[in-house]
Amino acid sequence: MRFLDTGLWADVQRLPGALQATIDGAEGVAEAAEALRGAERIVATGNGAAYYVAHALWLAAVEASGIPIVALPCGVVAREGFRWRAGDAVLAVSSSGEFREVVEIARASGARPCVAITASADSALAAAADAVVLQHVASQRAVTHTQALAGAYACGLGVWAALTGDRGLAALVGAAPAAAERAIADAEAWAADALPALSPPVAAIAVGGGTAWAAALELALMLKEISRIPAEGVETREGATSAMFGLDRGHLMVSLDADGDPHGDEAVRLCEEAGATTLRLPAAARADARLAPIATLPAAAALSAELALTAGHDVDKPAWTAAYYETARSAT
């Protein structure tokens, strides 16, 4: 498979080690939990993959007591009309620590506690935050985030575990590197079997339930930014209802739900009946459902990279890279 030779896949292969370093360091986790303790609402925010981390943390918090969280894109939170409440705190996610609106939100937090999750201790975001949770990124040869997304999510779960005293959640965070290792092996075997006969679709949807909904958003982003395929990520029931309406032959539906999930099975069946080609990512059944954003990431990267290479695109430095950095980076 050609994706095995990309910088993107090299980043994926180093994901377990980067996760382990992040978890072992636990840099800033206790301080972040203390800063957020007592908040009446935690506004978690970021952009793109970082926002999907916030989205996944919100979905994970649905099952954890004592975490009043709302996840919103930074473009919403940074608007002048956003209504802050007394007792709000900010959880700002940016691997670089330089995304423009995320930095603006942190700088404007004032008396509101602000916690940053970032890979850069020297960034503008880290300087503006009251507490900084540092993640470890071993390499980023591709523009697309892999280690950064997984590490930021693990950091957030670690903060949730410290904030609530949930030992089970803390143990789950500790299991994340092993889950990532298994997911990489599963993805390589799955790709060799599922991808050779797959033609680039004209459009795609990705569906997932629970935290796999956030993973579906990330897969849709990968299909757009790496494969240059219009794509939408939705929750599973949306995939079985409104998201299937536009599907036809030449379209792709990717399920991130485990085989045997009744909602996931129904979504796959209905999308097949609409004429779309369907795929199911591996690893979902081999990891705790709350680890879906990590466990599905290797196969999502493999799928996106292989489709990109088939269409002649640069996997590691797509054509939009310069335009993205021009609009995304904060002013120093």
Protein backbone atom coordinates (compact mmCIF):
# COMPACT_ATOMS: atom_id res chain seq x y z
CA MET A 1 0.00 0.00 0.00
CA ARG A 2 1.40 3.40 -1.02
CA PHE A 3 0.27 5.23 2.12
CA LEU A 4 2.86 3.27 4.11
CA ASP A 5 5.59 5.45 2.58
CA THR A 6 4.05 8.82 3.48
CA GLY A 7 5.10 11.18 6.23
CA LEU A 8 1.52 11.00 7.48
CA TRP A 9 1.86 7.28 8.16
CA ALA A 10 5.27 7.82 9.77
CA ASP A 11 3.54 10.22 12.17
CA VAL A 12 0.83 7.62 12.85
CA GLN A 13 3.42 4.93 13.61
CA ARG A 14 4.94 7.15 16.30
CA LEU A 15 1.55 7.90 17.82
CA PRO A 16 1.69 5.26 20.63
CA GLY A 17 5.06 6.52 21.85
CA ALA A 18 3.93 10.14 21.74
CA LEU A 19 0.81 9.22 23.70
CA GLN A 20 2.85 7.34 26.27
CA ALA A 21 5.18 10.31 26.76
CA THR A 22 2.18 12.64 27.15
CA ILE A 23 0.48 10.39 29.69
CA ASP A 24 3.65 9.65 31.66
CA GLY A 25 4.49 13.35 31.87
CA ALA A 26 0.98 14.43 32.92
CA GLU A 27 2.37 17.97 32.70
CA GLY A 28 -0.15 20.45 34.01
CA VAL A 29 -3.02 17.98 34.48
CA ALA A 30 -3.39 18.50 38.24
CA GLU A 31 -3.09 22.28 37.86
CA ALA A 32 -5.67 22.30 35.08
CA ALA A 33 -8.15 20.26 37.12
CA GLU A 34 -7.73 22.66 40.03
CA ALA A 35 -8.26 25.68 37.78
CA LEU A 36 -11.49 24.20 36.42
CA ARG A 37 -12.79 22.96 39.78
CA GLY A 38 -16.00 24.68 40.74
CA ALA A 39 -16.69 26.08 37.27
CA GLU A 40 -20.40 26.26 36.52
CA ARG A 41 -19.71 25.84 32.79
CA ILE A 42 -16.56 24.86 30.91
CA VAL A 43 -16.45 26.28 27.39
CA ALA A 44 -14.17 23.95 25.40
CA THR A 45 -13.01 25.38 22.10
CA GLY A 46 -10.59 25.02 19.21
CA ASN A 47 -10.56 24.91 15.43
CA GLY A 48 -10.67 21.94 13.06
CA ALA A 49 -9.10 18.88 14.66
CA ALA A 50 -8.66 20.82 17.93
CA TYR A 51 -12.38 21.60 17.98
CA TYR A 52 -13.11 17.91 17.38
CA VAL A 53 -11.02 17.17 20.47
CA ALA A 54 -13.25 19.58 22.41
CA HIS A 55 -16.31 17.91 20.87
CA ALA A 56 -15.06 14.45 21.89
CA LEU A 57 -14.36 15.65 25.44
CA TRP A 58 -17.91 16.96 25.67
CA LEU A 59 -19.26 13.60 24.47
CA ALA A 60 -17.02 11.72 26.94
CA ALA A 61 -18.16 14.03 29.73
CA VAL A 62 -21.78 13.04 29.10
CA GLU A 63 -20.90 9.80 30.91
CA ALA A 64 -18.82 11.49 33.65
CA SER A 65 -20.42 13.25 36.61
CA GLY A 66 -19.57 16.78 37.63
CA ILE A 67 -18.34 18.18 34.30
CA PRO A 68 -20.62 20.95 32.96
CA ILE A 69 -19.12 21.41 29.50
CA VAL A 70 -20.14 22.86 26.17
CA ALA A 71 -17.97 22.44 23.06
CA LEU A 72 -17.99 25.21 20.47
CA PRO A 73 -15.76 26.21 17.53
CA CYS A 74 -13.47 29.11 18.37
CA GLY A 75 -15.10 31.20 15.64
CA VAL A 76 -18.32 31.16 17.69
CA VAL A 77 -16.70 31.81 21.07
CA ALA A 78 -14.53 34.66 19.75
CA ARG A 79 -17.50 36.62 18.40
CA GLU A 80 -18.42 39.80 20.20
CA GLY A 81 -21.98 38.57 20.69
CA PHE A 82 -21.01 35.37 22.56
CA ARG A 83 -22.68 35.53 25.97
CA TRP A 84 -20.36 34.52 28.78
CA ARG A 85 -21.90 33.55 32.11
CA ALA A 86 -20.78 34.05 35.67
CA GLY A 87 -18.87 30.93 36.71
CA ASP A 88 -17.59 30.14 33.20
CA ALA A 89 -14.14 28.68 32.56
CA VAL A 90 -12.31 28.16 29.27
CA LEU A 91 -10.64 25.02 27.94
CA ALA A 92 -8.69 26.10 24.86
CA VAL A 93 -7.17 23.48 22.54
CA SER A 94 -4.44 24.26 19.99
CA SER A 95 -1.45 22.05 19.28
CA SER A 96 0.62 24.95 17.97
CA GLY A 97 -0.74 27.33 20.58
CA GLU A 98 -0.91 29.98 17.87
CA PHE A 99 -4.35 29.62 16.28
CA ARG A 100 -5.63 33.19 15.99
CA GLU A 101 -9.09 33.04 17.58
CA VAL A 102 -8.08 30.53 20.25
CA VAL A 103 -5.32 32.88 21.41
CA GLU A 104 -7.74 35.82 21.34
CA ILE A 105 -10.19 33.91 23.55
CA ALA A 106 -7.48 33.08 26.08
CA ARG A 107 -6.17 36.65 26.15
CA ALA A 108 -9.69 37.99 26.71
CA SER A 109 -10.55 35.50 29.47
CA GLY A 110 -9.87 38.04 32.24
CA ALA A 111 -11.11 36.65 35.55
CA ARG A 112 -12.42 33.49 33.90
CA PRO A 113 -10.07 30.54 34.52
CA CYS A 114 -8.42 29.51 31.26
CA VAL A 115 -6.79 26.13 30.70
CA ALA A 116 -4.80 25.44 27.55
CA ILE A 117 -4.03 22.07 25.97
CA THR A 118 -1.07 22.55 23.64
CA ALA A 119 2.18 21.02 22.47
CA SER A 120 4.08 24.31 22.77
CA ALA A 121 5.00 25.66 26.20
CA ASP A 122 6.38 28.82 24.57
CA SER A 123 3.28 29.60 22.52
CA ALA A 124 1.03 32.64 22.73
CA LEU A 125 -1.77 30.42 24.05
CA ALA A 126 0.37 29.02 26.86
CA ALA A 127 1.41 32.54 27.85
CA ALA A 128 -2.22 33.66 28.07
CA ALA A 129 -3.57 30.66 30.02
CA ASP A 130 -3.80 30.18 33.79
CA ALA A 131 -2.84 26.51 33.50
CA VAL A 132 -1.21 24.64 30.63
CA VAL A 133 -1.49 20.91 29.89
CA LEU A 134 1.39 19.92 27.65
CA GLN A 135 1.15 17.11 25.15
CA HIS A 136 4.11 15.44 23.48
CA VAL A 137 4.34 15.38 19.67
CA ALA A 138 7.20 13.13 18.59
CA SER A 139 7.01 14.15 14.93
CA GLN A 140 4.81 15.99 12.49
CA ARG A 141 6.05 15.27 9.00
CA ALA A 142 2.58 15.86 7.55
CA VAL A 143 0.48 18.99 7.90
CA THR A 144 -2.47 16.87 9.08
CA HIS A 145 -2.64 16.35 12.83
CA THR A 146 -2.48 12.78 14.16
CA GLN A 147 -0.31 12.69 17.29
CA ALA A 148 -1.56 16.15 18.21
CA LEU A 149 -5.21 15.14 18.04
CA ALA A 150 -4.75 11.91 19.99
CA GLY A 151 -2.52 13.54 22.59
CA ALA A 152 -4.84 16.48 23.16
CA TYR A 153 -7.77 14.12 23.67
CA ALA A 154 -5.79 12.00 26.12
CA CYS A 155 -4.82 15.19 27.99
CA GLY A 156 -8.45 16.24 28.22
CA LEU A 157 -9.55 12.84 29.50
CA GLY A 158 -6.74 13.01 32.05
CA VAL A 159 -8.04 16.38 33.24
CA TRP A 160 -11.58 14.95 33.49
CA ALA A 161 -10.26 12.01 35.55
CA ALA A 162 -8.39 14.35 37.91
CA LEU A 163 -11.35 16.72 38.17
CA THR A 164 -13.84 13.98 39.06
CA GLY A 165 -11.57 11.51 40.87
CA ASP A 166 -12.65 8.84 38.36
CA ARG A 167 -10.07 6.06 38.65
CA GLY A 168 -11.68 4.06 35.87
CA LEU A 169 -11.27 6.97 33.48
CA ALA A 170 -7.66 7.43 34.60
CA ALA A 171 -7.03 3.74 33.83
CA LEU A 172 -8.64 4.19 30.42
CA VAL A 173 -6.24 7.04 29.65
CA GLY A 174 -3.36 4.77 30.64
CA ALA A 175 -4.61 2.15 28.16
CA ALA A 176 -4.66 4.58 25.23
CA PRO A 177 -1.11 3.89 23.90
CA ALA A 178 -1.76 0.13 23.73
CA ALA A 179 -5.09 0.79 22.00
CA ALA A 180 -3.28 2.97 19.46
CA GLU A 181 -0.69 0.24 18.86
CA ARG A 182 -3.42 -2.30 18.15
CA ALA A 183 -5.25 0.17 15.93
CA ILE A 184 -2.18 0.69 13.75
CA ALA A 185 -1.76 -3.04 13.17
CA ASP A 186 -5.49 -3.41 12.49
CA ALA A 187 -5.43 -0.51 10.04
CA GLU A 188 -2.56 -1.93 8.00
CA ALA A 189 -4.26 -5.34 7.70
CA TRP A 190 -7.63 -3.75 6.93
CA ALA A 191 -6.20 -1.40 4.31
CA ALA A 192 -4.47 -4.22 2.43
CA ASP A 193 -7.81 -6.00 2.15
CA ALA A 194 -10.31 -3.15 1.77
CA LEU A 195 -8.61 -0.35 -0.14
CA PRO A 196 -7.05 -1.76 -3.35
CA ALA A 197 -10.38 -1.99 -5.14
CA LEU A 198 -11.72 1.33 -3.83
CA SER A 199 -12.06 4.12 -6.37
CA PRO A 200 -11.99 7.76 -5.21
CA PRO A 201 -15.60 8.78 -4.55
CA VAL A 202 -17.08 12.08 -5.65
CA ALA A 203 -18.36 12.72 -2.11
CA ALA A 204 -18.43 10.94 1.23
CA ILE A 205 -20.04 10.80 4.65
CA ALA A 206 -18.54 9.43 7.87
CA VAL A 207 -20.80 8.36 10.73
CA GLY A 208 -20.22 7.42 14.35
CA GLY A 209 -22.01 7.28 17.69
CA GLY A 210 -20.78 8.54 21.07
CA THR A 211 -17.23 9.87 20.89
CA ALA A 212 -16.99 8.20 17.47
CA TRP A 213 -19.15 11.11 16.28
CA ALA A 214 -16.14 13.38 16.91
CA ALA A 215 -13.95 10.79 15.15
CA ALA A 216 -16.34 10.91 12.17
CA LEU A 217 -15.90 14.68 12.03
CA GLU A 218 -12.13 14.17 11.96
CA LEU A 219 -12.34 11.53 9.21
CA ALA A 220 -14.49 13.89 7.13
CA LEU A 221 -11.86 16.59 7.63
CA MET A 222 -9.09 14.19 6.52
CA LEU A 223 -11.05 13.26 3.41
CA LYS A 224 -11.40 16.95 2.60
CA GLU A 225 -7.90 18.14 3.42
CA ILE A 226 -5.87 15.11 2.30
CA SER A 227 -8.02 13.42 -0.37
CA ARG A 228 -9.75 16.63 -1.57
CA ILE A 229 -13.12 14.87 -1.43
CA PRO A 230 -16.22 16.78 -0.24
CA ALA A 231 -17.21 15.01 2.98
CA GLU A 232 -19.49 15.35 5.98
CA GLY A 233 -19.14 13.80 9.44
CA VAL A 234 -22.34 13.04 11.35
CA GLU A 235 -23.77 11.17 14.32
CA THR A 236 -24.95 7.66 13.47
CA ARG A 237 -28.69 8.31 13.46
CA GLU A 238 -28.10 11.32 11.22
CA GLY A 239 -26.15 8.99 8.94
CA ALA A 240 -29.12 6.63 8.75
CA THR A 241 -31.58 9.44 8.10
CA SER A 242 -30.77 12.94 6.81
CA ALA A 243 -27.16 12.28 5.73
CA MET A 244 -28.17 9.46 3.39
CA PHE A 245 -30.57 11.60 1.37
CA GLY A 246 -27.94 12.83 -1.07
CA LEU A 247 -26.12 9.52 -1.48
CA ASP A 248 -25.94 7.75 -4.82
CA ARG A 249 -23.57 5.60 -6.83
CA GLY A 250 -20.05 6.98 -6.77
CA HIS A 251 -20.43 8.15 -3.16
CA LEU A 252 -18.75 6.63 -0.09
CA MET A 253 -20.16 6.03 3.38
CA VAL A 254 -17.71 5.14 6.16
CA SER A 255 -18.97 3.79 9.49
CA LEU A 256 -16.92 4.18 12.66
CA ASP A 257 -19.39 2.12 14.68
CA ALA A 258 -18.50 -1.40 15.69
CA ASP A 259 -19.98 -4.27 13.69
CA GLY A 260 -23.09 -5.39 15.57
CA ASP A 261 -24.07 -1.92 16.76
CA PRO A 262 -27.76 -1.85 15.77
CA HIS A 263 -27.74 1.84 14.85
CA GLY A 264 -24.50 1.43 12.94
CA ASP A 265 -25.74 -1.64 11.11
CA GLU A 266 -28.91 0.18 10.08
CA ALA A 267 -26.93 3.17 8.82
CA VAL A 268 -24.70 0.94 6.69
CA ARG A 269 -27.68 -0.93 5.25
CA LEU A 270 -29.63 2.18 4.34
CA CYS A 271 -26.64 3.90 2.77
CA GLU A 272 -25.91 0.77 0.72
CA GLU A 273 -29.52 0.75 -0.45
CA ALA A 274 -29.11 4.38 -1.51
CA GLY A 275 -26.33 3.23 -3.84
CA ALA A 276 -23.24 4.29 -1.89
CA THR A 277 -20.15 2.16 -1.37
CA THR A 278 -19.80 1.43 2.34
CA LEU A 279 -16.76 0.76 4.52
CA ARG A 280 -16.38 0.01 8.20
CA LEU A 281 -13.22 1.14 9.94
CA PRO A 282 -11.52 -1.52 12.09
CA ALA A 283 -10.57 -1.25 15.77
CA ALA A 284 -13.86 0.13 17.06
CA ALA A 285 -14.79 -3.18 18.67
CA ARG A 286 -11.33 -3.68 20.23
CA ALA A 287 -11.19 -0.54 22.36
CA ASP A 288 -13.38 1.18 24.93
CA ALA A 289 -15.92 3.29 23.03
CA ARG A 290 -14.56 6.44 24.70
CA LEU A 291 -11.22 5.88 22.93
CA ALA A 292 -12.80 5.98 19.47
CA PRO A 293 -11.07 9.26 18.48
CA ILE A 294 -7.73 7.51 19.03
CA ALA A 295 -8.58 3.95 17.97
CA THR A 296 -10.10 4.95 14.61
CA LEU A 297 -7.41 7.48 13.69
CA PRO A 298 -4.91 5.12 12.01
CA ALA A 299 -7.47 3.62 9.62
CA ALA A 300 -8.89 7.08 8.89
CA ALA A 301 -5.39 8.28 7.96
CA ALA A 302 -4.73 5.20 5.81
CA LEU A 303 -8.01 5.59 3.92
CA SER A 304 -7.54 9.31 3.32
CA ALA A 305 -3.92 8.94 2.23
CA GLU A 306 -4.57 6.06 -0.16
CA LEU A 307 -7.45 7.92 -1.83
CA ALA A 308 -5.27 11.02 -2.13
CA LEU A 309 -2.41 9.12 -3.74
CA THR A 310 -4.79 7.48 -6.20
CA ALA A 311 -5.95 10.95 -7.26
CA GLY A 312 -2.40 12.32 -7.48
CA HIS A 313 -2.48 14.61 -4.42
CA ASP A 314 0.38 15.42 -2.04
CA VAL A 315 -0.55 13.69 1.23
CA ASP A 316 1.95 15.47 3.46
CA LYS A 317 1.77 19.02 2.14
CA PRO A 318 -1.54 19.63 0.39
CA ALA A 319 -2.01 22.55 -1.99
CA TRP A 320 -3.97 24.59 0.58
CA THR A 321 -1.19 24.60 3.21
CA ALA A 322 0.12 28.16 2.69
CA ALA A 323 -3.39 29.66 2.60
CA TYR A 324 -4.26 27.87 5.83
CA TYR A 325 -1.25 29.18 7.75
CA GLU A 326 -1.85 32.68 6.43
CA THR A 327 -5.31 32.85 8.00
CA ALA A 328 -4.82 30.60 11.02
CA ARG A 329 -1.79 31.93 12.87
CA SER A 330 -2.07 34.56 15.57
CA ALA A 331 -0.31 37.91 15.42
CA THR A 332 2.56 37.97 17.91
